[in-house]
Amino acid sequence: MKNAWIKPLIAVMVIALVAAWWLGGDKKTVNSYGGNEEIILRLGHAANTETTRHLVSLQFAQWVAEQSNGRVKIEIYPTSILGSDKQLLEMVSEGSLDMTLALPGLVANYAPQINVVELPFLFSSMDKVGVVLDGPIGEELVQDLPKNGLRSLAYWDNGLRQISNSKQPVEKPEDLQGLKLRTPESKMTISILKALGANPAPLAWGEVYLALAQGSFDGQENPIANIHAAKLYEVQKYISITNHKYESNPLVINEQTWQKLPPDVQKILKEGAVKFAKETRRLNQEAEGKLLADLEARGVKISRPDVTPFREVCKPVYDEWAPVVGKELMDKVLTAVK
């Protein structure tokens, strides 16, 4: 851990270099596209390069290039090299970045109704995720985005979130009392962890490893794939499989960019986004067992508590958020996940 400072230093250097290129380079804009001219779209995200989301984003880019006969090129910028999750979504909204894999908690700043699929213990199985997100309900959740400069193409998968910490096994809600847990920029996640008795606070993903290593936070919550890819097992001894919240990552594009793309390119992007959204779900489910086994081999203690008490103490979160997302929409989603 003595070299833990190297990671953020390298990140800062990379960001500075990319920013210099970004601001000073002769990049082509959508305004210049015409005929069969090459279209370059930049997609930035915060995920580590080992995660399913990044690996599938590369497949998505290759598929789009093939389907467009090389006309459309998607450049991928991972690991927050262009900015934090919050900054990336703001850049897409403003038009300085074309696409991102967005946190739903941040998308909620533009379309509050998306919070409904962030409710605690909403999905009893992953089979129900596609039923809700890939149909009319999923479209309804993001219908307000275009007026805010954004458009969601599909819901990619981040996974079911689990709790890790450096203090003790979490077997019941009382074990979370007083633990300072890092969260993403998600008001829903903060509501859930407060209901469970923890002390949550948001922090950008790129800063999490160092904050945990330095003891600024006792723990955090994330899908297993993210915990493993970020090597949090080096600074977190305990993981509890709580499945307290499912999290998607909407693939979002700037609305002005979208409107200026030819219809055939729009069709390719939409089809590809949906196709590879399903692939992220499949791959994440397949990988989780192997990743958990590897974490245990590295000395992490995995707890699988009865989640019934956790679910019970989170019930007030539904009442808290009903006025935000709308009772009618909440009832519609609850019916769909049964």
Protein backbone atom coordinates (compact mmCIF):
# COMPACT_ATOMS: atom_id res chain seq x y z
CA MET A 1 0.00 0.00 0.00
CA LYS A 2 3.00 2.31 0.24
CA ASN A 3 2.62 3.13 -3.47
CA ALA A 4 -1.13 3.78 -3.32
CA TRP A 5 -0.53 7.42 -4.27
CA ILE A 6 0.80 6.38 -7.69
CA LYS A 7 -2.66 5.48 -9.06
CA PRO A 8 -4.23 8.92 -8.62
CA LEU A 9 -1.05 10.62 -9.86
CA ILE A 10 -1.10 8.59 -13.08
CA ALA A 11 -4.82 9.30 -13.48
CA VAL A 12 -4.23 13.05 -13.19
CA MET A 13 -1.43 12.91 -15.77
CA VAL A 14 -3.58 10.95 -18.21
CA ILE A 15 -6.53 13.31 -17.76
CA ALA A 16 -4.28 16.30 -18.40
CA LEU A 17 -2.91 14.80 -21.61
CA VAL A 18 -6.32 13.79 -22.90
CA ALA A 19 -7.80 17.17 -22.00
CA ALA A 20 -5.02 18.94 -23.89
CA TRP A 21 -5.74 16.85 -26.97
CA TRP A 22 -9.49 17.29 -26.51
CA LEU A 23 -9.36 21.07 -26.33
CA GLY A 24 -6.63 21.66 -28.84
CA GLY A 25 -7.13 18.87 -31.36
CA ASP A 26 -8.78 19.31 -34.74
CA LYS A 27 -11.75 17.07 -33.96
CA LYS A 28 -14.56 16.68 -36.44
CA THR A 29 -18.08 17.59 -35.32
CA VAL A 30 -21.43 16.19 -36.37
CA ASN A 31 -22.07 19.43 -38.29
CA SER A 32 -19.50 18.36 -40.90
CA TYR A 33 -21.01 14.95 -41.65
CA GLY A 34 -22.45 14.44 -45.08
CA GLY A 35 -22.73 11.77 -47.72
CA ASN A 36 -20.58 8.77 -46.84
CA GLU A 37 -18.10 10.74 -44.76
CA GLU A 38 -16.71 8.99 -41.69
CA ILE A 39 -18.60 9.69 -38.46
CA ILE A 40 -16.54 9.68 -35.27
CA LEU A 41 -18.37 9.39 -31.94
CA ARG A 42 -16.58 9.61 -28.60
CA LEU A 43 -17.85 7.45 -25.74
CA GLY A 44 -16.42 8.08 -22.28
CA HIS A 45 -17.15 6.04 -19.17
CA ALA A 46 -15.80 5.52 -15.66
CA ALA A 47 -15.59 1.72 -15.60
CA ASN A 48 -12.31 -0.15 -15.18
CA THR A 49 -10.94 -1.81 -18.29
CA GLU A 50 -11.51 -5.30 -16.82
CA THR A 51 -15.25 -4.80 -16.40
CA THR A 52 -17.93 -6.23 -18.64
CA ARG A 53 -19.16 -2.74 -19.48
CA HIS A 54 -15.83 -1.71 -20.95
CA LEU A 55 -15.20 -4.98 -22.78
CA VAL A 56 -18.70 -4.94 -24.26
CA SER A 57 -18.35 -1.28 -25.23
CA LEU A 58 -15.40 -2.35 -27.38
CA GLN A 59 -17.55 -5.07 -28.96
CA PHE A 60 -20.31 -2.51 -29.53
CA ALA A 61 -17.88 -0.17 -31.28
CA GLN A 62 -16.61 -2.98 -33.50
CA TRP A 63 -20.16 -4.11 -34.34
CA VAL A 64 -21.24 -0.58 -35.25
CA ALA A 65 -18.19 -0.19 -37.49
CA GLU A 66 -19.00 -3.46 -39.25
CA GLN A 67 -22.70 -2.71 -39.65
CA SER A 68 -21.93 0.72 -41.08
CA ASN A 69 -19.23 -0.64 -43.40
CA GLY A 70 -16.62 1.39 -41.57
CA ARG A 71 -18.51 4.66 -41.81
CA VAL A 72 -19.11 5.01 -38.05
CA LYS A 73 -16.19 4.87 -35.63
CA ILE A 74 -16.80 4.90 -31.87
CA GLU A 75 -13.78 5.85 -29.79
CA ILE A 76 -13.86 4.50 -26.22
CA TYR A 77 -12.34 6.41 -23.27
CA PRO A 78 -12.57 4.29 -20.07
CA THR A 79 -11.58 4.68 -16.42
CA SER A 80 -12.70 8.31 -16.04
CA ILE A 81 -9.86 9.65 -18.20
CA LEU A 82 -12.24 12.30 -19.54
CA GLY A 83 -13.86 13.00 -16.17
CA SER A 84 -15.97 11.55 -13.38
CA ASP A 85 -19.38 9.96 -13.97
CA LYS A 86 -21.02 13.29 -13.17
CA GLN A 87 -18.71 15.25 -15.45
CA LEU A 88 -19.16 12.79 -18.30
CA LEU A 89 -22.94 13.06 -18.25
CA GLU A 90 -22.75 16.85 -18.07
CA MET A 91 -20.38 16.82 -21.06
CA VAL A 92 -22.83 14.73 -23.06
CA SER A 93 -25.72 17.02 -22.11
CA GLU A 94 -23.70 20.07 -23.18
CA GLY A 95 -22.46 18.42 -26.38
CA SER A 96 -18.72 18.31 -25.67
CA LEU A 97 -18.87 14.49 -25.52
CA ASP A 98 -21.06 12.28 -27.69
CA MET A 99 -21.89 9.30 -25.49
CA THR A 100 -21.47 7.83 -22.02
CA LEU A 101 -22.55 4.91 -19.87
CA ALA A 102 -24.38 6.88 -17.21
CA LEU A 103 -25.20 6.26 -13.58
CA PRO A 104 -28.99 6.22 -13.17
CA GLY A 105 -28.64 8.33 -10.03
CA LEU A 106 -27.17 11.07 -12.23
CA VAL A 107 -29.64 10.52 -15.07
CA ALA A 108 -32.30 11.15 -12.42
CA ASN A 109 -31.21 14.80 -12.32
CA TYR A 110 -32.70 15.06 -15.83
CA ALA A 111 -35.46 12.41 -15.56
CA PRO A 112 -36.48 11.84 -11.90
CA GLN A 113 -38.78 8.94 -12.73
CA ILE A 114 -35.79 6.67 -13.44
CA ASN A 115 -35.34 6.48 -9.67
CA VAL A 116 -38.17 3.95 -9.57
CA VAL A 117 -35.93 1.13 -10.84
CA GLU A 118 -33.35 2.00 -8.18
CA LEU A 119 -35.69 1.12 -5.31
CA PRO A 120 -34.29 -1.34 -2.73
CA PHE A 121 -34.83 -5.06 -3.32
CA LEU A 122 -37.04 -4.29 -6.33
CA PHE A 123 -35.97 -7.18 -8.56
CA SER A 124 -36.37 -10.68 -7.17
CA SER A 125 -34.52 -12.10 -10.19
CA MET A 126 -32.51 -10.79 -13.11
CA ASP A 127 -35.15 -12.17 -15.49
CA LYS A 128 -37.42 -9.32 -14.47
CA VAL A 129 -34.85 -6.65 -15.32
CA GLY A 130 -35.31 -7.04 -19.06
CA VAL A 131 -39.09 -7.20 -18.70
CA VAL A 132 -39.09 -3.73 -17.16
CA LEU A 133 -36.19 -1.97 -18.84
CA ASP A 134 -36.46 -3.30 -22.40
CA GLY A 135 -40.14 -2.47 -22.83
CA PRO A 136 -42.54 0.47 -22.64
CA ILE A 137 -41.76 1.14 -18.98
CA GLY A 138 -38.08 1.55 -19.79
CA GLU A 139 -38.94 4.07 -22.50
CA GLU A 140 -41.25 5.97 -20.14
CA LEU A 141 -38.48 6.35 -17.56
CA VAL A 142 -36.27 8.33 -19.93
CA GLN A 143 -38.86 10.19 -22.00
CA ASP A 144 -37.85 13.54 -20.47
CA LEU A 145 -34.19 13.28 -21.45
CA PRO A 146 -34.31 14.82 -24.97
CA LYS A 147 -35.47 18.19 -23.66
CA ASN A 148 -32.34 18.16 -21.48
CA GLY A 149 -29.98 17.41 -24.35
CA LEU A 150 -29.82 13.66 -23.79
CA ARG A 151 -31.22 10.44 -25.24
CA SER A 152 -31.01 6.96 -23.75
CA LEU A 153 -30.45 4.18 -26.28
CA ALA A 154 -30.60 1.16 -23.94
CA TYR A 155 -30.05 0.06 -20.35
CA TRP A 156 -26.68 -1.61 -20.03
CA ASP A 157 -25.98 -3.69 -16.94
CA ASN A 158 -23.95 -2.72 -13.91
CA GLY A 159 -25.41 -5.42 -11.68
CA LEU A 160 -26.77 -6.10 -8.22
CA ARG A 161 -24.96 -4.11 -5.57
CA GLN A 162 -23.22 -5.65 -2.54
CA ILE A 163 -21.66 -4.11 0.57
CA SER A 164 -17.96 -4.31 1.40
CA ASN A 165 -16.13 -2.94 4.42
CA SER A 166 -12.90 -3.22 6.38
CA LYS A 167 -14.38 -3.56 9.88
CA GLN A 168 -16.62 -6.60 10.32
CA PRO A 169 -18.94 -9.09 8.60
CA VAL A 170 -22.38 -7.63 7.89
CA GLU A 171 -24.95 -10.28 8.78
CA LYS A 172 -27.83 -8.01 9.82
CA PRO A 173 -28.78 -4.33 9.45
CA GLU A 174 -27.45 -3.54 12.92
CA ASP A 175 -23.94 -4.43 11.71
CA LEU A 176 -24.06 -1.36 9.46
CA GLN A 177 -24.72 1.08 12.28
CA GLY A 178 -22.23 3.94 12.10
CA LEU A 179 -20.18 2.53 9.21
CA LYS A 180 -19.12 5.28 6.81
CA LEU A 181 -19.87 3.94 3.35
CA ARG A 182 -18.95 5.52 0.05
CA THR A 183 -21.77 5.82 -2.48
CA PRO A 184 -21.96 7.00 -6.08
CA GLU A 185 -23.80 10.23 -6.87
CA SER A 186 -27.16 8.61 -6.15
CA LYS A 187 -29.75 10.04 -3.79
CA MET A 188 -31.59 6.71 -3.85
CA THR A 189 -28.49 4.80 -2.72
CA ILE A 190 -28.00 7.28 0.09
CA SER A 191 -31.63 6.82 1.17
CA ILE A 192 -31.22 3.05 1.20
CA LEU A 193 -28.02 3.04 3.24
CA LYS A 194 -29.42 5.55 5.72
CA ALA A 195 -32.45 3.29 6.18
CA LEU A 196 -30.04 0.43 6.88
CA GLY A 197 -28.29 2.50 9.56
CA ALA A 198 -25.06 3.32 7.75
CA ASN A 199 -23.44 6.74 7.31
CA PRO A 200 -23.30 7.18 3.51
CA ALA A 201 -21.49 9.87 1.53
CA PRO A 202 -20.86 10.24 -2.23
CA LEU A 203 -17.39 10.09 -3.76
CA ALA A 204 -16.25 9.83 -7.39
CA TRP A 205 -15.39 6.26 -8.39
CA GLY A 206 -11.84 7.15 -9.38
CA GLU A 207 -11.11 8.27 -5.82
CA VAL A 208 -12.58 5.26 -4.00
CA TYR A 209 -9.55 2.97 -3.77
CA LEU A 210 -7.33 5.59 -2.16
CA ALA A 211 -10.10 6.75 0.20
CA LEU A 212 -10.62 3.18 1.42
CA ALA A 213 -6.87 2.57 1.71
CA GLN A 214 -6.46 5.71 3.81
CA GLY A 215 -9.44 4.87 6.02
CA SER A 216 -11.49 7.89 4.97
CA PHE A 217 -14.35 5.44 4.46
CA ASP A 218 -15.05 2.12 6.20
CA GLY A 219 -16.59 0.59 3.12
CA GLN A 220 -18.62 1.00 -0.03
CA GLU A 221 -21.24 -0.82 -2.10
CA ASN A 222 -20.92 -2.00 -5.69
CA PRO A 223 -21.54 -4.97 -7.97
CA ILE A 224 -19.00 -7.76 -7.50
CA ALA A 225 -17.47 -7.14 -10.93
CA ASN A 226 -16.60 -3.56 -9.98
CA ILE A 227 -15.21 -4.56 -6.58
CA HIS A 228 -12.97 -7.15 -8.23
CA ALA A 229 -11.83 -5.02 -11.17
CA ALA A 230 -10.87 -2.12 -8.91
CA LYS A 231 -8.91 -4.49 -6.63
CA LEU A 232 -10.86 -3.34 -3.60
CA TYR A 233 -10.06 -6.73 -2.09
CA GLU A 234 -6.69 -5.18 -1.22
CA VAL A 235 -8.37 -2.72 1.15
CA GLN A 236 -11.70 -4.40 2.05
CA LYS A 237 -11.77 -7.65 4.03
CA TYR A 238 -15.52 -8.26 4.17
CA ILE A 239 -18.23 -8.49 1.51
CA SER A 240 -21.90 -9.13 2.20
CA ILE A 241 -24.15 -10.38 -0.60
CA THR A 242 -27.17 -8.20 0.07
CA ASN A 243 -28.42 -7.56 -3.49
CA HIS A 244 -29.95 -4.42 -2.00
CA LYS A 245 -30.22 -2.57 -5.30
CA TYR A 246 -30.03 -3.32 -9.00
CA GLU A 247 -28.22 -0.77 -11.12
CA SER A 248 -28.36 -0.26 -14.85
CA ASN A 249 -26.08 2.00 -16.87
CA PRO A 250 -28.11 3.76 -19.56
CA LEU A 251 -26.12 4.24 -22.75
CA VAL A 252 -26.75 7.93 -23.36
CA ILE A 253 -26.06 10.05 -26.44
CA ASN A 254 -26.21 13.80 -26.91
CA GLU A 255 -29.62 14.67 -28.39
CA GLN A 256 -28.26 17.18 -30.90
CA THR A 257 -25.72 14.64 -32.08
CA TRP A 258 -28.50 12.07 -32.44
CA GLN A 259 -30.74 14.36 -34.48
CA LYS A 260 -27.93 15.15 -36.93
CA LEU A 261 -27.10 11.51 -37.59
CA PRO A 262 -28.56 9.91 -40.73
CA PRO A 263 -31.54 7.58 -40.05
CA ASP A 264 -29.57 4.48 -41.06
CA VAL A 265 -26.87 5.32 -38.51
CA GLN A 266 -29.49 5.97 -35.83
CA LYS A 267 -30.95 2.53 -36.54
CA ILE A 268 -27.56 0.84 -36.24
CA LEU A 269 -26.75 2.60 -32.96
CA LYS A 270 -30.14 1.79 -31.43
CA GLU A 271 -30.05 -1.86 -32.47
CA GLY A 272 -26.49 -2.25 -31.25
CA ALA A 273 -27.20 -0.54 -27.94
CA VAL A 274 -30.09 -2.93 -27.21
CA LYS A 275 -28.18 -5.99 -28.42
CA PHE A 276 -25.15 -5.31 -26.25
CA ALA A 277 -27.23 -4.24 -23.24
CA LYS A 278 -28.49 -7.82 -23.12
CA GLU A 279 -24.93 -9.05 -23.52
CA THR A 280 -23.76 -7.06 -20.48
CA ARG A 281 -26.46 -8.71 -18.36
CA ARG A 282 -25.58 -12.18 -19.58
CA LEU A 283 -21.84 -11.80 -19.08
CA ASN A 284 -22.14 -10.22 -15.64
CA GLN A 285 -24.34 -13.05 -14.40
CA GLU A 286 -21.96 -15.66 -15.80
CA ALA A 287 -18.89 -14.04 -14.24
CA GLU A 288 -20.12 -13.39 -10.71
CA GLY A 289 -19.58 -16.91 -9.33
CA LYS A 290 -15.99 -17.04 -10.58
CA LEU A 291 -15.24 -13.57 -9.26
CA LEU A 292 -16.61 -14.42 -5.81
CA ALA A 293 -14.47 -17.56 -5.71
CA ASP A 294 -11.40 -15.53 -6.62
CA LEU A 295 -12.19 -12.95 -3.93
CA GLU A 296 -12.44 -15.71 -1.33
CA ALA A 297 -9.14 -17.14 -2.53
CA ARG A 298 -7.61 -13.72 -1.92
CA GLY A 299 -8.74 -13.79 1.69
CA VAL A 300 -11.97 -11.81 1.49
CA LYS A 301 -14.66 -13.11 3.84
CA ILE A 302 -17.97 -13.45 1.96
CA SER A 303 -21.21 -13.31 3.97
CA ARG A 304 -24.59 -14.34 2.59
CA PRO A 305 -27.05 -12.99 5.16
CA ASP A 306 -30.80 -13.50 5.18
CA VAL A 307 -31.93 -10.30 3.43
CA THR A 308 -35.43 -10.32 4.95
CA PRO A 309 -34.49 -7.95 7.82
CA PHE A 310 -32.68 -5.68 5.36
CA ARG A 311 -35.73 -5.58 3.12
CA GLU A 312 -38.01 -4.78 6.06
CA VAL A 313 -36.05 -1.76 7.26
CA CYS A 314 -35.94 -0.42 3.69
CA LYS A 315 -39.73 -0.37 3.22
CA PRO A 316 -40.00 3.31 4.24
CA VAL A 317 -37.78 4.18 1.25
CA TYR A 318 -40.71 3.35 -1.04
CA ASP A 319 -42.94 5.84 0.75
CA GLU A 320 -40.17 8.44 0.70
CA TRP A 321 -39.73 8.19 -3.07
CA ALA A 322 -43.34 7.73 -4.20
CA PRO A 323 -43.91 11.51 -4.56
CA VAL A 324 -40.71 11.83 -6.62
CA VAL A 325 -41.33 9.06 -9.16
CA GLY A 326 -45.13 9.09 -9.04
CA LYS A 327 -47.32 6.54 -7.28
CA GLU A 328 -48.90 5.38 -10.55
CA LEU A 329 -45.51 4.63 -12.12
CA MET A 330 -44.29 2.91 -8.97
CA ASP A 331 -47.36 0.66 -8.93
CA LYS A 332 -46.85 -0.15 -12.62
CA VAL A 333 -43.25 -1.20 -11.98
CA LEU A 334 -44.14 -3.22 -8.87
CA THR A 335 -46.75 -5.10 -10.90
CA ALA A 336 -44.25 -5.78 -13.69
CA VAL A 337 -41.63 -7.29 -11.37
CA LYS A 338 -44.00 -9.73 -9.65
